[in-house]
C-alpha atoms as a PDB file:
ATOM      1  CA  MET A   1     107.900 298.271  16.393  1.00  0.00           C
ATOM      2  CA  GLU A   2     106.202 296.593  19.330  1.00  0.00           C
ATOM      3  CA  ILE A   3     102.405 296.634  19.255  1.00  0.00           C
ATOM      4  CA  GLU A   4     100.770 295.059  22.282  1.00  0.00           C
ATOM      5  CA  ARG A   5      97.883 295.298  24.689  1.00  0.00           C
ATOM      6  CA  LYS A   6      98.241 294.641  28.399  1.00  0.00           C
ATOM      7  CA  PHE A   7      95.663 293.092  30.734  1.00  0.00           C
ATOM      8  CA  LEU A   8      95.334 292.334  34.427  1.00  0.00           C
ATOM      9  CA  ILE A   9      94.712 288.651  35.098  1.00  0.00           C
ATOM     10  CA  ASP A  10      93.989 286.252  37.925  1.00  0.00           C
ATOM     11  CA  TRP A  11      97.042 283.958  37.801  1.00  0.00           C
ATOM     12  CA  GLU A  12      95.327 280.906  39.289  1.00  0.00           C
ATOM     13  CA  GLN A  13      92.357 281.308  36.940  1.00  0.00           C
ATOM     14  CA  ILE A  14      94.642 281.468  33.895  1.00  0.00           C
ATOM     15  CA  LEU A  15      96.415 278.285  34.989  1.00  0.00           C
ATOM     16  CA  SER A  16      93.075 276.537  35.541  1.00  0.00           C
ATOM     17  CA  LEU A  17      91.950 277.229  31.950  1.00  0.00           C
ATOM     18  CA  ASN A  18      94.371 274.594  30.614  1.00  0.00           C
ATOM     19  CA  LEU A  19      95.288 276.721  27.603  1.00  0.00           C
ATOM     20  CA  PRO A  20      97.990 275.168  25.422  1.00  0.00           C
ATOM     21  CA  LEU A  21     101.362 276.056  26.991  1.00  0.00           C
ATOM     22  CA  VAL A  22     103.912 277.276  24.438  1.00  0.00           C
ATOM     23  CA  LYS A  23     106.811 278.036  26.803  1.00  0.00           C
ATOM     24  CA  GLN A  24     107.610 278.926  30.373  1.00  0.00           C
ATOM     25  CA  ALA A  25     110.502 280.424  32.279  1.00  0.00           C
ATOM     26  CA  GLN A  26     111.634 282.164  35.413  1.00  0.00           C
ATOM     27  CA  SER A  27     112.427 285.697  34.357  1.00  0.00           C
ATOM     28  CA  PHE A  28     114.503 288.329  36.154  1.00  0.00           C
ATOM     29  CA  GLN A  29     114.253 291.946  35.055  1.00  0.00           C
ATOM     30  CA  GLY A  30     115.881 295.208  36.097  1.00  0.00           C
ATOM     31  CA  TYR A  31     115.872 298.769  34.792  1.00  0.00           C
ATOM     32  CA  LEU A  32     118.946 300.812  34.020  1.00  0.00           C
ATOM     33  CA  SER A  33     116.557 303.644  33.082  1.00  0.00           C
ATOM     34  CA  ALA A  34     112.845 303.705  33.856  1.00  0.00           C
ATOM     35  CA  ALA A  35     112.411 307.004  31.961  1.00  0.00           C
ATOM     36  CA  THR A  36     111.945 307.258  28.197  1.00  0.00           C
ATOM     37  CA  PRO A  37     113.734 305.598  26.600  1.00  0.00           C
ATOM     38  CA  VAL A  38     113.275 302.703  29.003  1.00  0.00           C
ATOM     39  CA  VAL A  39     116.426 300.571  29.229  1.00  0.00           C
ATOM     40  CA  ARG A  40     116.127 297.194  30.915  1.00  0.00           C
ATOM     41  CA  ILE A  41     117.970 293.921  31.206  1.00  0.00           C
ATOM     42  CA  ARG A  42     116.304 290.537  31.421  1.00  0.00           C
ATOM     43  CA  LYS A  43     117.396 286.991  32.110  1.00  0.00           C
ATOM     44  CA  ARG A  44     115.033 284.121  31.337  1.00  0.00           C
ATOM     45  CA  GLU A  45     115.676 280.595  32.562  1.00  0.00           C
ATOM     46  CA  PHE A  46     113.451 278.385  30.408  1.00  0.00           C
ATOM     47  CA  SER A  47     111.993 275.073  31.520  1.00  0.00           C
ATOM     48  CA  ASP A  48     114.053 273.302  28.822  1.00  0.00           C
ATOM     49  CA  GLY A  49     117.294 274.391  30.541  1.00  0.00           C
ATOM     50  CA  CYS A  50     118.174 277.247  28.157  1.00  0.00           C
ATOM     51  CA  THR A  51     118.868 280.751  29.460  1.00  0.00           C
ATOM     52  CA  ASP A  52     118.807 283.995  27.532  1.00  0.00           C
ATOM     53  CA  TYR A  53     120.162 287.426  28.463  1.00  0.00           C
ATOM     54  CA  ILE A  54     118.609 290.462  26.785  1.00  0.00           C
ATOM     55  CA  LEU A  55     119.166 294.213  26.738  1.00  0.00           C
ATOM     56  CA  CYS A  56     115.964 296.002  25.719  1.00  0.00           C
ATOM     57  CA  VAL A  57     115.406 299.660  24.866  1.00  0.00           C
ATOM     58  CA  LYS A  58     111.816 300.891  24.522  1.00  0.00           C
ATOM     59  CA  GLY A  59     110.714 304.233  23.132  1.00  0.00           C
ATOM     60  CA  LYS A  60     107.736 306.426  23.906  1.00  0.00           C
ATOM     61  CA  GLY A  61     104.231 304.990  23.738  1.00  0.00           C
ATOM     62  CA  LYS A  62     101.935 302.379  25.263  1.00  0.00           C
ATOM     63  CA  LEU A  63     100.017 300.509  22.546  1.00  0.00           C
ATOM     64  CA  ALA A  64     102.787 300.899  19.980  1.00  0.00           C
ATOM     65  CA  ARG A  65     106.412 301.881  20.462  1.00  0.00           C
ATOM     66  CA  LYS A  66     109.886 301.342  19.103  1.00  0.00           C
ATOM     67  CA  GLU A  67     111.612 298.390  20.763  1.00  0.00           C
ATOM     68  CA  ILE A  68     115.208 297.294  20.251  1.00  0.00           C
ATOM     69  CA  GLU A  69     116.472 294.062  21.779  1.00  0.00           C
ATOM     70  CA  LYS A  70     120.039 292.805  21.827  1.00  0.00           C
ATOM     71  CA  GLU A  71     121.295 289.485  23.124  1.00  0.00           C
ATOM     72  CA  LEU A  72     123.923 289.760  25.844  1.00  0.00           C
ATOM     73  CA  THR A  73     126.524 287.326  27.096  1.00  0.00           C
ATOM     74  CA  LYS A  74     126.179 286.164  30.687  1.00  0.00           C
ATOM     75  CA  GLU A  75     129.197 288.325  31.580  1.00  0.00           C
ATOM     76  CA  GLU A  76     127.731 291.457  29.943  1.00  0.00           C
ATOM     77  CA  PHE A  77     124.440 290.835  31.721  1.00  0.00           C
ATOM     78  CA  GLU A  78     126.160 290.459  35.108  1.00  0.00           C
ATOM     79  CA  GLU A  79     128.131 293.683  34.579  1.00  0.00           C
ATOM     80  CA  LEU A  80     124.934 295.580  33.817  1.00  0.00           C
ATOM     81  CA  GLU A  81     123.111 293.897  36.702  1.00  0.00           C
ATOM     82  CA  SER A  82     125.770 295.228  39.089  1.00  0.00           C
ATOM     83  CA  LEU A  83     124.633 298.770  38.162  1.00  0.00           C
ATOM     84  CA  LEU A  84     121.042 298.233  39.332  1.00  0.00           C
ATOM     85  CA  PRO A  85     120.034 300.192  42.450  1.00  0.00           C
ATOM     86  CA  ILE A  86     117.664 297.484  43.757  1.00  0.00           C
ATOM     87  CA  PRO A  87     117.270 293.717  43.284  1.00  0.00           C
ATOM     88  CA  MET A  88     115.797 292.490  40.025  1.00  0.00           C
ATOM     89  CA  LEU A  89     112.101 291.748  39.708  1.00  0.00           C
ATOM     90  CA  LYS A  90     111.255 288.051  39.551  1.00  0.00           C
ATOM     91  CA  LYS A  91     108.579 286.855  37.160  1.00  0.00           C
ATOM     92  CA  ASP A  92     106.965 283.497  36.617  1.00  0.00           C
ATOM     93  CA  TYR A  93     106.581 283.727  32.816  1.00  0.00           C
ATOM     94  CA  ARG A  94     104.254 281.540  30.769  1.00  0.00           C
ATOM     95  CA  VAL A  95     103.087 281.820  27.186  1.00  0.00           C
ATOM     96  CA  PHE A  96      99.793 280.243  26.144  1.00  0.00           C
ATOM     97  CA  GLN A  97      98.135 279.815  22.737  1.00  0.00           C
ATOM     98  CA  LEU A  98      94.724 281.474  22.396  1.00  0.00           C
ATOM     99  CA  ASP A  99      91.982 280.002  20.196  1.00  0.00           C
ATOM    100  CA  ASP A 100      92.384 282.850  17.686  1.00  0.00           C
ATOM    101  CA  GLY A 101      96.094 282.054  17.222  1.00  0.00           C
ATOM    102  CA  HIS A 102      97.478 284.915  19.314  1.00  0.00           C
ATOM    103  CA  LEU A 103      99.947 284.248  22.106  1.00  0.00           C
ATOM    104  CA  LEU A 104      99.039 285.245  25.650  1.00  0.00           C
ATOM    105  CA  GLU A 105     102.231 286.128  27.543  1.00  0.00           C
ATOM    106  CA  CYS A 106     101.465 285.874  31.265  1.00  0.00           C
ATOM    107  CA  ASN A 107     103.629 287.108  34.126  1.00  0.00           C
ATOM    108  CA  LEU A 108     103.338 286.742  37.891  1.00  0.00           C
ATOM    109  CA  VAL A 109     105.569 289.501  39.290  1.00  0.00           C
ATOM    110  CA  ASN A 110     107.302 288.992  42.657  1.00  0.00           C
ATOM    111  CA  ASP A 111     104.342 286.765  43.622  1.00  0.00           C
ATOM    112  CA  LYS A 112     102.334 290.015  44.030  1.00  0.00           C
ATOM    113  CA  PHE A 113     100.408 290.724  40.849  1.00  0.00           C
ATOM    114  CA  ALA A 114      99.777 289.191  37.457  1.00  0.00           C
ATOM    115  CA  TYR A 115      99.330 290.598  33.992  1.00  0.00           C
ATOM    116  CA  ALA A 116      99.213 289.358  30.424  1.00  0.00           C
ATOM    117  CA  GLU A 117     100.230 290.842  27.093  1.00  0.00           C
ATOM    118  CA  VAL A 118      99.124 290.062  23.560  1.00  0.00           C
ATOM    119  CA  GLU A 119     101.291 291.235  20.653  1.00  0.00           C
ATOM    120  CA  PHE A 120      99.907 292.237  17.265  1.00  0.00           C
ATOM    121  CA  ASP A 121     101.117 292.875  13.725  1.00  0.00           C
ATOM    122  CA  SER A 122      99.270 296.193  13.390  1.00  0.00           C
ATOM    123  CA  ILE A 123      97.575 298.866  15.462  1.00  0.00           C
ATOM    124  CA  GLU A 124      94.297 298.078  13.696  1.00  0.00           C
ATOM    125  CA  GLN A 125      94.586 294.410  14.666  1.00  0.00           C
ATOM    126  CA  ALA A 126      95.316 295.417  18.278  1.00  0.00           C
ATOM    127  CA  LYS A 127      92.312 297.735  18.449  1.00  0.00           C
ATOM    128  CA  ASN A 128      90.012 295.073  16.968  1.00  0.00           C
ATOM    129  CA  PHE A 129      91.133 292.355  19.391  1.00  0.00           C
ATOM    130  CA  VAL A 130      88.173 291.047  21.365  1.00  0.00           C
ATOM    131  CA  MET A 131      89.286 290.587  24.959  1.00  0.00           C
ATOM    132  CA  PRO A 132      88.453 287.067  26.246  1.00  0.00           C
ATOM    133  CA  SER A 133      86.296 287.115  29.386  1.00  0.00           C
ATOM    134  CA  PHE A 134      89.093 285.679  31.556  1.00  0.00           C
ATOM    135  CA  LEU A 135      91.166 288.842  31.034  1.00  0.00           C
ATOM    136  CA  LEU A 136      90.075 291.113  33.873  1.00  0.00           C
ATOM    137  CA  LYS A 137      90.911 294.630  32.702  1.00  0.00           C
ATOM    138  CA  ASP A 138      92.666 296.295  29.774  1.00  0.00           C
ATOM    139  CA  VAL A 139      95.456 298.470  31.255  1.00  0.00           C
ATOM    140  CA  THR A 140      97.369 299.144  28.040  1.00  0.00           C
ATOM    141  CA  GLU A 141      97.156 302.928  28.335  1.00  0.00           C
ATOM    142  CA  ASP A 142      97.448 303.140  32.134  1.00  0.00           C
ATOM    143  CA  PRO A 143     101.043 304.105  33.061  1.00  0.00           C
ATOM    144  CA  TYR A 144     100.519 302.798  36.605  1.00  0.00           C
ATOM    145  CA  TYR A 145     100.669 299.245  35.235  1.00  0.00           C
ATOM    146  CA  SER A 146     103.846 299.633  33.184  1.00  0.00           C
ATOM    147  CA  MET A 147     106.716 297.521  34.474  1.00  0.00           C
ATOM    148  CA  SER A 148     108.997 300.580  34.501  1.00  0.00           C
ATOM    149  CA  GLY A 149     106.405 302.303  36.720  1.00  0.00           C
ATOM    150  CA  TYR A 150     106.375 299.286  39.039  1.00  0.00           C
ATOM    151  CA  TRP A 151     110.193 299.394  39.123  1.00  0.00           C
ATOM    152  CA  LYS A 152     110.117 303.076  40.153  1.00  0.00           C
ATOM    153  CA  ARG A 153     107.676 302.288  42.975  1.00  0.00           C
ATOM    154  CA  GLN A 154     109.926 299.426  44.142  1.00  0.00           C
ATOM    155  CA  GLN A 155     112.906 301.803  44.258  1.00  0.00           C
ATOM    156  CA  ILE A 156     110.960 304.127  46.566  1.00  0.00           C
ATOM    157  CA  THR A 157     109.898 301.211  48.771  1.00  0.00           C
ATOM    158  CA  VAL A 158     113.462 299.904  49.075  1.00  0.00           C
ATOM    159  CA  SER A 159     114.752 303.429  49.858  1.00  0.00           C
ATOM    160  CA  PHE A 160     112.268 303.759  52.727  1.00  0.00           C
ATOM    161  CA  GLU A 161     113.216 300.316  54.084  1.00  0.00           C
ATOM    162  CA  LEU A 162     116.895 301.327  54.302  1.00  0.00           C
END
């Protein structure tokens, strides 16, 4: 079960806070299905030179939902990538440590918008989380800000450009 809240952020402001950096990567993400269940593939190229390839299936829900992840080989990933109708989304991915011990997973998507996620062990813990002032807006329950929703809008944009 994935339990997380999602927030809009100002990317440059987050970087200027000098929060402890836990990890960073360039991430590439595409959706085989943007409907429920959401099925996506992701490649992350970490700053330490490692790369991971993940297949992720997410169930219904926003704050809490079933999530299944499976590691893929590079070849499996490339086969699935060839099925995508549009180019993968590119994310600058950074994870920072918050003072309360939570991890703040920040993403700058296609150099266009930025958001952060904080994962929790329980729904109660998620609901009691006090949003730091540098997080601009809680968009956990707003489907407009889901990455699968963004993917759908990108598909429409690419279709009109063709």
